[in-house]
PDB file of N, CA and C in Angstrom:
ATOM      1  N   MET A   1       0.858  -1.186   0.000  1.00  0.00           N
ATOM      2  CA  MET A   1       0.000   0.000   0.000  1.00  0.00           C
ATOM      3  C   MET A   1       0.893   1.235   0.000  1.00  0.00           C
ATOM      4  N   PRO A   2       0.624   2.181  -0.887  1.00  0.00           N
ATOM      5  CA  PRO A   2       1.410   3.420  -0.934  1.00  0.00           C
ATOM      6  C   PRO A   2       1.236   4.249   0.335  1.00  0.00           C
ATOM      7  N   ASP A   3       2.205   5.125   0.584  1.00  0.00           N
ATOM      8  CA  ASP A   3       2.090   6.041   1.716  1.00  0.00           C
ATOM      9  C   ASP A   3       0.891   6.952   1.524  1.00  0.00           C
ATOM     10  N   PRO A   4       0.219   7.321   2.613  1.00  0.00           N
ATOM     11  CA  PRO A   4      -0.928   8.231   2.480  1.00  0.00           C
ATOM     12  C   PRO A   4      -0.471   9.641   2.128  1.00  0.00           C
ATOM     13  N   VAL A   5      -1.363  10.388   1.532  1.00  0.00           N
ATOM     14  CA  VAL A   5      -1.144  11.822   1.312  1.00  0.00           C
ATOM     15  C   VAL A   5      -1.558  12.496   2.616  1.00  0.00           C
ATOM     16  N   ILE A   6      -0.653  13.291   3.181  1.00  0.00           N
ATOM     17  CA  ILE A   6      -0.913  13.936   4.466  1.00  0.00           C
ATOM     18  C   ILE A   6      -0.815  15.443   4.308  1.00  0.00           C
ATOM     19  N   VAL A   7      -1.839  16.153   4.772  1.00  0.00           N
ATOM     20  CA  VAL A   7      -1.825  17.615   4.760  1.00  0.00           C
ATOM     21  C   VAL A   7      -2.437  18.124   6.065  1.00  0.00           C
ATOM     22  N   ASP A   8      -1.972  19.272   6.491  1.00  0.00           N
ATOM     23  CA  ASP A   8      -2.565  19.978   7.625  1.00  0.00           C
ATOM     24  C   ASP A   8      -3.189  21.252   7.095  1.00  0.00           C
ATOM     25  N   ILE A   9      -4.447  21.469   7.452  1.00  0.00           N
ATOM     26  CA  ILE A   9      -5.202  22.621   6.966  1.00  0.00           C
ATOM     27  C   ILE A   9      -5.480  23.536   8.152  1.00  0.00           C
ATOM     28  N   PRO A  10      -4.829  24.697   8.183  1.00  0.00           N
ATOM     29  CA  PRO A  10      -5.042  25.608   9.320  1.00  0.00           C
ATOM     30  C   PRO A  10      -6.431  26.239   9.285  1.00  0.00           C
ATOM     31  N   HIS A  11      -6.952  26.565  10.466  1.00  0.00           N
ATOM     32  CA  HIS A  11      -8.227  27.267  10.566  1.00  0.00           C
ATOM     33  C   HIS A  11      -8.275  28.017  11.892  1.00  0.00           C
ATOM     34  N   LYS A  12      -9.253  28.886  12.029  1.00  0.00           N
ATOM     35  CA  LYS A  12      -9.451  29.665  13.249  1.00  0.00           C
ATOM     36  C   LYS A  12     -10.852  29.454  13.803  1.00  0.00           C
ATOM     37  N   LEU A  13     -11.406  28.266  13.563  1.00  0.00           N
ATOM     38  CA  LEU A  13     -12.798  27.983  13.915  1.00  0.00           C
ATOM     39  C   LEU A  13     -12.962  27.273  15.252  1.00  0.00           C
ATOM     40  N   GLY A  14     -11.890  26.718  15.800  1.00  0.00           N
ATOM     41  CA  GLY A  14     -12.024  25.827  16.948  1.00  0.00           C
ATOM     42  C   GLY A  14     -12.550  24.484  16.466  1.00  0.00           C
ATOM     43  N   LYS A  15     -12.480  23.485  17.328  1.00  0.00           N
ATOM     44  CA  LYS A  15     -12.916  22.140  16.928  1.00  0.00           C
ATOM     45  C   LYS A  15     -14.383  22.089  16.519  1.00  0.00           C
ATOM     46  N   GLU A  16     -15.242  22.710  17.326  1.00  0.00           N
ATOM     47  CA  GLU A  16     -16.681  22.617  17.042  1.00  0.00           C
ATOM     48  C   GLU A  16     -17.050  23.343  15.745  1.00  0.00           C
ATOM     49  N   GLY A  17     -16.431  24.491  15.509  1.00  0.00           N
ATOM     50  CA  GLY A  17     -16.696  25.209  14.262  1.00  0.00           C
ATOM     51  C   GLY A  17     -16.221  24.416  13.057  1.00  0.00           C
ATOM     52  N   ALA A  18     -15.034  23.812  13.170  1.00  0.00           N
ATOM     53  CA  ALA A  18     -14.508  22.995  12.074  1.00  0.00           C
ATOM     54  C   ALA A  18     -15.395  21.773  11.852  1.00  0.00           C
ATOM     55  N   ARG A  19     -15.866  21.161  12.947  1.00  0.00           N
ATOM     56  CA  ARG A  19     -16.744  20.000  12.830  1.00  0.00           C
ATOM     57  C   ARG A  19     -18.021  20.364  12.071  1.00  0.00           C
ATOM     58  N   ALA A  20     -18.613  21.482  12.411  1.00  0.00           N
ATOM     59  CA  ALA A  20     -19.851  21.907  11.746  1.00  0.00           C
ATOM     60  C   ALA A  20     -19.628  22.126  10.258  1.00  0.00           C
ATOM     61  N   ARG A  21     -18.533  22.786   9.901  1.00  0.00           N
ATOM     62  CA  ARG A  21     -18.262  23.040   8.476  1.00  0.00           C
ATOM     63  C   ARG A  21     -18.010  21.739   7.720  1.00  0.00           C
ATOM     64  N   LEU A  22     -17.214  20.860   8.323  1.00  0.00           N
ATOM     65  CA  LEU A  22     -16.921  19.597   7.648  1.00  0.00           C
ATOM     66  C   LEU A  22     -18.164  18.724   7.526  1.00  0.00           C
ATOM     67  N   ALA A  23     -18.968  18.686   8.569  1.00  0.00           N
ATOM     68  CA  ALA A  23     -20.183  17.872   8.546  1.00  0.00           C
ATOM     69  C   ALA A  23     -21.125  18.311   7.431  1.00  0.00           C
ATOM     70  N   SER A  24     -21.169  19.605   7.174  1.00  0.00           N
ATOM     71  CA  SER A  24     -22.074  20.087   6.127  1.00  0.00           C
ATOM     72  C   SER A  24     -21.431  20.059   4.741  1.00  0.00           C
ATOM     73  N   GLY A  25     -20.114  19.892   4.664  1.00  0.00           N
ATOM     74  CA  GLY A  25     -19.443  19.979   3.373  1.00  0.00           C
ATOM     75  C   GLY A  25     -18.919  18.682   2.796  1.00  0.00           C
ATOM     76  N   VAL A  26     -18.597  17.701   3.638  1.00  0.00           N
ATOM     77  CA  VAL A  26     -17.952  16.498   3.114  1.00  0.00           C
ATOM     78  C   VAL A  26     -18.856  15.720   2.164  1.00  0.00           C
ATOM     79  N   GLY A  27     -20.138  15.748   2.373  1.00  0.00           N
ATOM     80  CA  GLY A  27     -21.065  15.056   1.486  1.00  0.00           C
ATOM     81  C   GLY A  27     -21.096  15.626   0.078  1.00  0.00           C
ATOM     82  N   LYS A  28     -20.632  16.862  -0.070  1.00  0.00           N
ATOM     83  CA  LYS A  28     -20.631  17.519  -1.382  1.00  0.00           C
ATOM     84  C   LYS A  28     -19.475  17.062  -2.263  1.00  0.00           C
ATOM     85  N   ILE A  29     -18.511  16.350  -1.680  1.00  0.00           N
ATOM     86  CA  ILE A  29     -17.335  15.935  -2.440  1.00  0.00           C
ATOM     87  C   ILE A  29     -17.725  15.085  -3.638  1.00  0.00           C
ATOM     88  N   GLY A  30     -18.681  14.196  -3.462  1.00  0.00           N
ATOM     89  CA  GLY A  30     -19.109  13.337  -4.561  1.00  0.00           C
ATOM     90  C   GLY A  30     -19.585  14.105  -5.771  1.00  0.00           C
ATOM     91  N   SER A  31     -20.248  15.237  -5.550  1.00  0.00           N
ATOM     92  CA  SER A  31     -20.749  16.028  -6.673  1.00  0.00           C
ATOM     93  C   SER A  31     -19.641  16.816  -7.366  1.00  0.00           C
ATOM     94  N   MET A  32     -18.464  16.907  -6.762  1.00  0.00           N
ATOM     95  CA  MET A  32     -17.344  17.623  -7.364  1.00  0.00           C
ATOM     96  C   MET A  32     -16.569  16.763  -8.350  1.00  0.00           C
ATOM     97  N   ILE A  33     -16.846  15.458  -8.345  1.00  0.00           N
ATOM     98  CA  ILE A  33     -16.131  14.517  -9.199  1.00  0.00           C
ATOM     99  C   ILE A  33     -16.892  14.380 -10.513  1.00  0.00           C
ATOM    100  N   PRO A  34     -16.190  14.530 -11.654  1.00  0.00           N
ATOM    101  CA  PRO A  34     -16.867  14.339 -12.938  1.00  0.00           C
ATOM    102  C   PRO A  34     -17.531  12.966 -12.990  1.00  0.00           C
ATOM    103  N   GLY A  35     -18.790  12.931 -13.319  1.00  0.00           N
ATOM    104  CA  GLY A  35     -19.546  11.689 -13.344  1.00  0.00           C
ATOM    105  C   GLY A  35     -20.135  11.315 -12.000  1.00  0.00           C
ATOM    106  N   GLY A  36     -19.779  12.065 -10.959  1.00  0.00           N
ATOM    107  CA  GLY A  36     -20.317  11.830  -9.624  1.00  0.00           C
ATOM    108  C   GLY A  36     -19.565  10.757  -8.861  1.00  0.00           C
ATOM    109  N   GLY A  37     -19.796  10.750  -7.569  1.00  0.00           N
ATOM    110  CA  GLY A  37     -19.155   9.771  -6.708  1.00  0.00           C
ATOM    111  C   GLY A  37     -20.008   9.546  -5.475  1.00  0.00           C
ATOM    112  N   ALA A  38     -19.777   8.425  -4.817  1.00  0.00           N
ATOM    113  CA  ALA A  38     -20.510   8.094  -3.599  1.00  0.00           C
ATOM    114  C   ALA A  38     -19.604   8.372  -2.396  1.00  0.00           C
ATOM    115  N   VAL A  39     -20.176   9.000  -1.373  1.00  0.00           N
ATOM    116  CA  VAL A  39     -19.426   9.331  -0.167  1.00  0.00           C
ATOM    117  C   VAL A  39     -20.085   8.636   1.024  1.00  0.00           C
ATOM    118  N   GLN A  40     -19.281   7.956   1.808  1.00  0.00           N
ATOM    119  CA  GLN A  40     -19.741   7.375   3.074  1.00  0.00           C
ATOM    120  C   GLN A  40     -18.903   8.005   4.169  1.00  0.00           C
ATOM    121  N   GLU A  41     -19.544   8.364   5.288  1.00  0.00           N
ATOM    122  CA  GLU A  41     -18.825   9.047   6.356  1.00  0.00           C
ATOM    123  C   GLU A  41     -19.286   8.568   7.717  1.00  0.00           C
ATOM    124  N   ARG A  42     -18.377   8.670   8.691  1.00  0.00           N
ATOM    125  CA  ARG A  42     -18.719   8.397  10.081  1.00  0.00           C
ATOM    126  C   ARG A  42     -17.748   9.157  10.972  1.00  0.00           C
ATOM    127  N   TRP A  43     -18.266   9.606  12.097  1.00  0.00           N
ATOM    128  CA  TRP A  43     -17.465  10.308  13.095  1.00  0.00           C
ATOM    129  C   TRP A  43     -17.053   9.327  14.185  1.00  0.00           C
ATOM    130  N   ASP A  44     -15.832   9.463  14.658  1.00  0.00           N
ATOM    131  CA  ASP A  44     -15.322   8.714  15.802  1.00  0.00           C
ATOM    132  C   ASP A  44     -14.603   9.730  16.685  1.00  0.00           C
ATOM    133  N   GLY A  45     -15.336  10.292  17.644  1.00  0.00           N
ATOM    134  CA  GLY A  45     -14.768  11.361  18.470  1.00  0.00           C
ATOM    135  C   GLY A  45     -14.498  12.591  17.616  1.00  0.00           C
ATOM    136  N   ASP A  46     -13.260  13.047  17.622  1.00  0.00           N
ATOM    137  CA  ASP A  46     -12.877  14.219  16.827  1.00  0.00           C
ATOM    138  C   ASP A  46     -12.278  13.829  15.475  1.00  0.00           C
ATOM    139  N   SER A  47     -12.556  12.632  15.014  1.00  0.00           N
ATOM    140  CA  SER A  47     -12.048  12.164  13.715  1.00  0.00           C
ATOM    141  C   SER A  47     -13.211  11.836  12.790  1.00  0.00           C
ATOM    142  N   LEU A  48     -13.126  12.332  11.583  1.00  0.00           N
ATOM    143  CA  LEU A  48     -14.097  12.021  10.539  1.00  0.00           C
ATOM    144  C   LEU A  48     -13.445  11.037   9.581  1.00  0.00           C
ATOM    145  N   HIS A  49     -14.035   9.862   9.463  1.00  0.00           N
ATOM    146  CA  HIS A  49     -13.570   8.850   8.524  1.00  0.00           C
ATOM    147  C   HIS A  49     -14.546   8.862   7.356  1.00  0.00           C
ATOM    148  N   PHE A  50     -14.017   8.951   6.152  1.00  0.00           N
ATOM    149  CA  PHE A  50     -14.922   8.895   5.008  1.00  0.00           C
ATOM    150  C   PHE A  50     -14.237   8.266   3.803  1.00  0.00           C
ATOM    151  N   THR A  51     -15.057   7.696   2.945  1.00  0.00           N
ATOM    152  CA  THR A  51     -14.569   7.130   1.691  1.00  0.00           C
ATOM    153  C   THR A  51     -15.318   7.774   0.542  1.00  0.00           C
ATOM    154  N   VAL A  52     -14.626   7.907  -0.552  1.00  0.00           N
ATOM    155  CA  VAL A  52     -15.213   8.410  -1.789  1.00  0.00           C
ATOM    156  C   VAL A  52     -14.970   7.336  -2.845  1.00  0.00           C
ATOM    157  N   THR A  53     -16.035   6.901  -3.484  1.00  0.00           N
ATOM    158  CA  THR A  53     -15.930   5.902  -4.539  1.00  0.00           C
ATOM    159  C   THR A  53     -16.409   6.525  -5.837  1.00  0.00           C
ATOM    160  N   ALA A  54     -15.539   6.474  -6.842  1.00  0.00           N
ATOM    161  CA  ALA A  54     -15.874   7.029  -8.156  1.00  0.00           C
ATOM    162  C   ALA A  54     -14.978   6.380  -9.203  1.00  0.00           C
ATOM    163  N   MET A  55     -15.511   6.204 -10.371  1.00  0.00           N
ATOM    164  CA  MET A  55     -14.748   5.676 -11.508  1.00  0.00           C
ATOM    165  C   MET A  55     -13.995   4.394 -11.156  1.00  0.00           C
ATOM    166  N   GLY A  56     -14.630   3.537 -10.353  1.00  0.00           N
ATOM    167  CA  GLY A  56     -14.033   2.256 -10.018  1.00  0.00           C
ATOM    168  C   GLY A  56     -12.928   2.310  -8.969  1.00  0.00           C
ATOM    169  N   GLN A  57     -12.707   3.467  -8.367  1.00  0.00           N
ATOM    170  CA  GLN A  57     -11.669   3.628  -7.353  1.00  0.00           C
ATOM    171  C   GLN A  57     -12.298   4.064  -6.035  1.00  0.00           C
ATOM    172  N   THR A  58     -11.746   3.579  -4.928  1.00  0.00           N
ATOM    173  CA  THR A  58     -12.200   3.996  -3.604  1.00  0.00           C
ATOM    174  C   THR A  58     -11.036   4.626  -2.859  1.00  0.00           C
ATOM    175  N   VAL A  59     -11.288   5.817  -2.339  1.00  0.00           N
ATOM    176  CA  VAL A  59     -10.280   6.566  -1.591  1.00  0.00           C
ATOM    177  C   VAL A  59     -10.785   6.710  -0.164  1.00  0.00           C
ATOM    178  N   ALA A  60      -9.991   6.236   0.788  1.00  0.00           N
ATOM    179  CA  ALA A  60     -10.344   6.341   2.204  1.00  0.00           C
ATOM    180  C   ALA A  60      -9.567   7.498   2.822  1.00  0.00           C
ATOM    181  N   SER A  61     -10.235   8.272   3.669  1.00  0.00           N
ATOM    182  CA  SER A  61      -9.615   9.438   4.289  1.00  0.00           C
ATOM    183  C   SER A  61      -9.990   9.534   5.755  1.00  0.00           C
ATOM    184  N   ARG A  62      -9.108  10.173   6.518  1.00  0.00           N
ATOM    185  CA  ARG A  62      -9.397  10.466   7.916  1.00  0.00           C
ATOM    186  C   ARG A  62      -9.003  11.914   8.178  1.00  0.00           C
ATOM    187  N   LEU A  63      -9.920  12.648   8.791  1.00  0.00           N
ATOM    188  CA  LEU A  63      -9.679  14.032   9.179  1.00  0.00           C
ATOM    189  C   LEU A  63      -9.708  14.099  10.697  1.00  0.00           C
ATOM    190  N   ASP A  64      -8.597  14.517  11.298  1.00  0.00           N
ATOM    191  CA  ASP A  64      -8.516  14.672  12.745  1.00  0.00           C
ATOM    192  C   ASP A  64      -8.615  16.153  13.072  1.00  0.00           C
ATOM    193  N   LEU A  65      -9.615  16.495  13.890  1.00  0.00           N
ATOM    194  CA  LEU A  65      -9.847  17.894  14.237  1.00  0.00           C
ATOM    195  C   LEU A  65      -8.967  18.330  15.398  1.00  0.00           C
ATOM    196  N   HIS A  66      -8.388  19.510  15.248  1.00  0.00           N
ATOM    197  CA  HIS A  66      -7.627  20.166  16.298  1.00  0.00           C
ATOM    198  C   HIS A  66      -8.173  21.587  16.416  1.00  0.00           C
ATOM    199  N   ASP A  67      -7.860  22.269  17.488  1.00  0.00           N
ATOM    200  CA  ASP A  67      -8.380  23.624  17.687  1.00  0.00           C
ATOM    201  C   ASP A  67      -7.985  24.579  16.569  1.00  0.00           C
ATOM    202  N   ASP A  68      -6.808  24.374  15.967  1.00  0.00           N
ATOM    203  CA  ASP A  68      -6.280  25.325  14.988  1.00  0.00           C
ATOM    204  C   ASP A  68      -5.976  24.734  13.613  1.00  0.00           C
ATOM    205  N   ARG A  69      -6.249  23.448  13.448  1.00  0.00           N
ATOM    206  CA  ARG A  69      -5.963  22.805  12.158  1.00  0.00           C
ATOM    207  C   ARG A  69      -6.754  21.515  12.031  1.00  0.00           C
ATOM    208  N   VAL A  70      -6.845  21.053  10.799  1.00  0.00           N
ATOM    209  CA  VAL A  70      -7.397  19.734  10.504  1.00  0.00           C
ATOM    210  C   VAL A  70      -6.260  18.937   9.876  1.00  0.00           C
ATOM    211  N   HIS A  71      -5.965  17.802  10.472  1.00  0.00           N
ATOM    212  CA  HIS A  71      -4.926  16.905   9.958  1.00  0.00           C
ATOM    213  C   HIS A  71      -5.620  15.877   9.074  1.00  0.00           C
ATOM    214  N   ALA A  72      -5.264  15.838   7.802  1.00  0.00           N
ATOM    215  CA  ALA A  72      -5.906  14.940   6.843  1.00  0.00           C
ATOM    216  C   ALA A  72      -4.929  13.881   6.354  1.00  0.00           C
ATOM    217  N   GLU A  73      -5.401  12.649   6.332  1.00  0.00           N
ATOM    218  CA  GLU A  73      -4.648  11.543   5.758  1.00  0.00           C
ATOM    219  C   GLU A  73      -5.534  10.863   4.728  1.00  0.00           C
ATOM    220  N   VAL A  74      -5.019  10.776   3.508  1.00  0.00           N
ATOM    221  CA  VAL A  74      -5.786  10.224   2.398  1.00  0.00           C
ATOM    222  C   VAL A  74      -5.048   8.989   1.875  1.00  0.00           C
ATOM    223  N   ASP A  75      -5.699   7.838   1.967  1.00  0.00           N
ATOM    224  CA  ASP A  75      -5.125   6.588   1.472  1.00  0.00           C
ATOM    225  C   ASP A  75      -5.572   6.384   0.033  1.00  0.00           C
ATOM    226  N   LEU A  76      -4.598   6.407  -0.860  1.00  0.00           N
ATOM    227  CA  LEU A  76      -4.903   6.266  -2.280  1.00  0.00           C
ATOM    228  C   LEU A  76      -4.703   4.822  -2.731  1.00  0.00           C
ATOM    229  N   PRO A  77      -5.574   4.325  -3.596  1.00  0.00           N
ATOM    230  CA  PRO A  77      -5.329   3.010  -4.188  1.00  0.00           C
ATOM    231  C   PRO A  77      -4.103   3.107  -5.106  1.00  0.00           C
ATOM    232  N   PRO A  78      -3.458   1.991  -5.405  1.00  0.00           N
ATOM    233  CA  PRO A  78      -2.223   2.029  -6.194  1.00  0.00           C
ATOM    234  C   PRO A  78      -2.317   2.836  -7.489  1.00  0.00           C
ATOM    235  N   PHE A  79      -3.417   2.722  -8.204  1.00  0.00           N
ATOM    236  CA  PHE A  79      -3.539   3.461  -9.471  1.00  0.00           C
ATOM    237  C   PHE A  79      -3.462   4.969  -9.236  1.00  0.00           C
ATOM    238  N   LEU A  80      -4.166   5.465  -8.228  1.00  0.00           N
ATOM    239  CA  LEU A  80      -4.179   6.901  -7.967  1.00  0.00           C
ATOM    240  C   LEU A  80      -2.916   7.382  -7.260  1.00  0.00           C
ATOM    241  N   ALA A  81      -2.166   6.470  -6.646  1.00  0.00           N
ATOM    242  CA  ALA A  81      -0.919   6.851  -5.972  1.00  0.00           C
ATOM    243  C   ALA A  81       0.064   7.464  -6.958  1.00  0.00           C
ATOM    244  N   LEU A  82      -0.076   7.148  -8.227  1.00  0.00           N
ATOM    245  CA  LEU A  82       0.774   7.760  -9.253  1.00  0.00           C
ATOM    246  C   LEU A  82       0.599   9.273  -9.298  1.00  0.00           C
ATOM    247  N   PHE A  83      -0.548   9.744  -8.841  1.00  0.00           N
ATOM    248  CA  PHE A  83      -0.879  11.161  -8.892  1.00  0.00           C
ATOM    249  C   PHE A  83      -0.840  11.814  -7.506  1.00  0.00           C
ATOM    250  N   ALA A  84      -0.156  11.195  -6.557  1.00  0.00           N
ATOM    251  CA  ALA A  84      -0.154  11.669  -5.163  1.00  0.00           C
ATOM    252  C   ALA A  84       0.276  13.126  -5.039  1.00  0.00           C
ATOM    253  N   GLY A  85       1.310  13.534  -5.768  1.00  0.00           N
ATOM    254  CA  GLY A  85       1.779  14.925  -5.695  1.00  0.00           C
ATOM    255  C   GLY A  85       0.711  15.911  -6.148  1.00  0.00           C
ATOM    256  N   LYS A  86       0.078  15.613  -7.248  1.00  0.00           N
ATOM    257  CA  LYS A  86      -0.976  16.502  -7.765  1.00  0.00           C
ATOM    258  C   LYS A  86      -2.188  16.510  -6.836  1.00  0.00           C
ATOM    259  N   ILE A  87      -2.518  15.350  -6.277  1.00  0.00           N
ATOM    260  CA  ILE A  87      -3.642  15.275  -5.345  1.00  0.00           C
ATOM    261  C   ILE A  87      -3.336  16.081  -4.092  1.00  0.00           C
ATOM    262  N   ARG A  88      -2.109  16.002  -3.595  1.00  0.00           N
ATOM    263  CA  ARG A  88      -1.712  16.786  -2.418  1.00  0.00           C
ATOM    264  C   ARG A  88      -1.838  18.281  -2.701  1.00  0.00           C
ATOM    265  N   GLU A  89      -1.344  18.714  -3.862  1.00  0.00           N
ATOM    266  CA  GLU A  89      -1.456  20.132  -4.248  1.00  0.00           C
ATOM    267  C   GLU A  89      -2.924  20.566  -4.287  1.00  0.00           C
ATOM    268  N   LYS A  90      -3.768  19.744  -4.876  1.00  0.00           N
ATOM    269  CA  LYS A  90      -5.191  20.069  -4.992  1.00  0.00           C
ATOM    270  C   LYS A  90      -5.837  20.151  -3.607  1.00  0.00           C
ATOM    271  N   LEU A  91      -5.483  19.224  -2.720  1.00  0.00           N
ATOM    272  CA  LEU A  91      -6.011  19.261  -1.355  1.00  0.00           C
ATOM    273  C   LEU A  91      -5.612  20.548  -0.645  1.00  0.00           C
ATOM    274  N   LEU A  92      -4.345  20.929  -0.778  1.00  0.00           N
ATOM    275  CA  LEU A  92      -3.881  22.146  -0.115  1.00  0.00           C
ATOM    276  C   LEU A  92      -4.609  23.379  -0.636  1.00  0.00           C
ATOM    277  N   LYS A  93      -4.988  23.352  -1.906  1.00  0.00           N
ATOM    278  CA  LYS A  93      -5.690  24.487  -2.506  1.00  0.00           C
ATOM    279  C   LYS A  93      -7.187  24.469  -2.200  1.00  0.00           C
ATOM    280  N   GLU A  94      -7.822  23.299  -2.296  1.00  0.00           N
ATOM    281  CA  GLU A  94      -9.281  23.217  -2.223  1.00  0.00           C
ATOM    282  C   GLU A  94      -9.829  22.899  -0.829  1.00  0.00           C
ATOM    283  N   ALA A  95      -9.106  22.134  -0.026  1.00  0.00           N
ATOM    284  CA  ALA A  95      -9.628  21.735   1.293  1.00  0.00           C
ATOM    285  C   ALA A  95      -9.959  22.921   2.204  1.00  0.00           C
ATOM    286  N   PRO A  96      -9.158  23.990   2.200  1.00  0.00           N
ATOM    287  CA  PRO A  96      -9.533  25.113   3.063  1.00  0.00           C
ATOM    288  C   PRO A  96     -10.918  25.690   2.750  1.00  0.00           C
ATOM    289  N   LYS A  97     -11.405  25.492   1.532  1.00  0.00           N
ATOM    290  CA  LYS A  97     -12.738  25.998   1.169  1.00  0.00           C
ATOM    291  C   LYS A  97     -13.841  25.297   1.951  1.00  0.00           C
ATOM    292  N   LEU A  98     -13.591  24.040   2.373  1.00  0.00           N
ATOM    293  CA  LEU A  98     -14.584  23.330   3.188  1.00  0.00           C
ATOM    294  C   LEU A  98     -14.716  23.953   4.576  1.00  0.00           C
ATOM    295  N   LEU A  99     -13.704  24.723   4.979  1.00  0.00           N
ATOM    296  CA  LEU A  99     -13.713  25.332   6.298  1.00  0.00           C
ATOM    297  C   LEU A  99     -14.127  26.815   6.266  1.00  0.00           C
ATOM    298  N   GLU A 100     -14.501  27.288   5.102  1.00  0.00           N
ATOM    299  CA  GLU A 100     -14.913  28.713   4.995  1.00  0.00           C
ATOM    300  C   GLU A 100     -16.352  28.881   5.411  1.00  0.00           C
TER     301      GLU A 100
END
């Protein structure tokens, strides 16, 4: 299994504010994928575990909430691991929008 893509996303919302934004936004990820995707999510304390399935690929992710940042780990299947650098760049650019 390839190494996960790891990013930290700073915020000034506190844990509860970040939780509210993520809870209302993570379900929208499927609609951002061309052709659509299915999103499954569950909370475990201050961690949001979710998977996105699209185009025959499943990506598992975990978001750990902190007072000042969200720590994200994205496990890519081998095919998508080829694009890990580009996916990391996209996460750094787009993920903060989920916290706005």
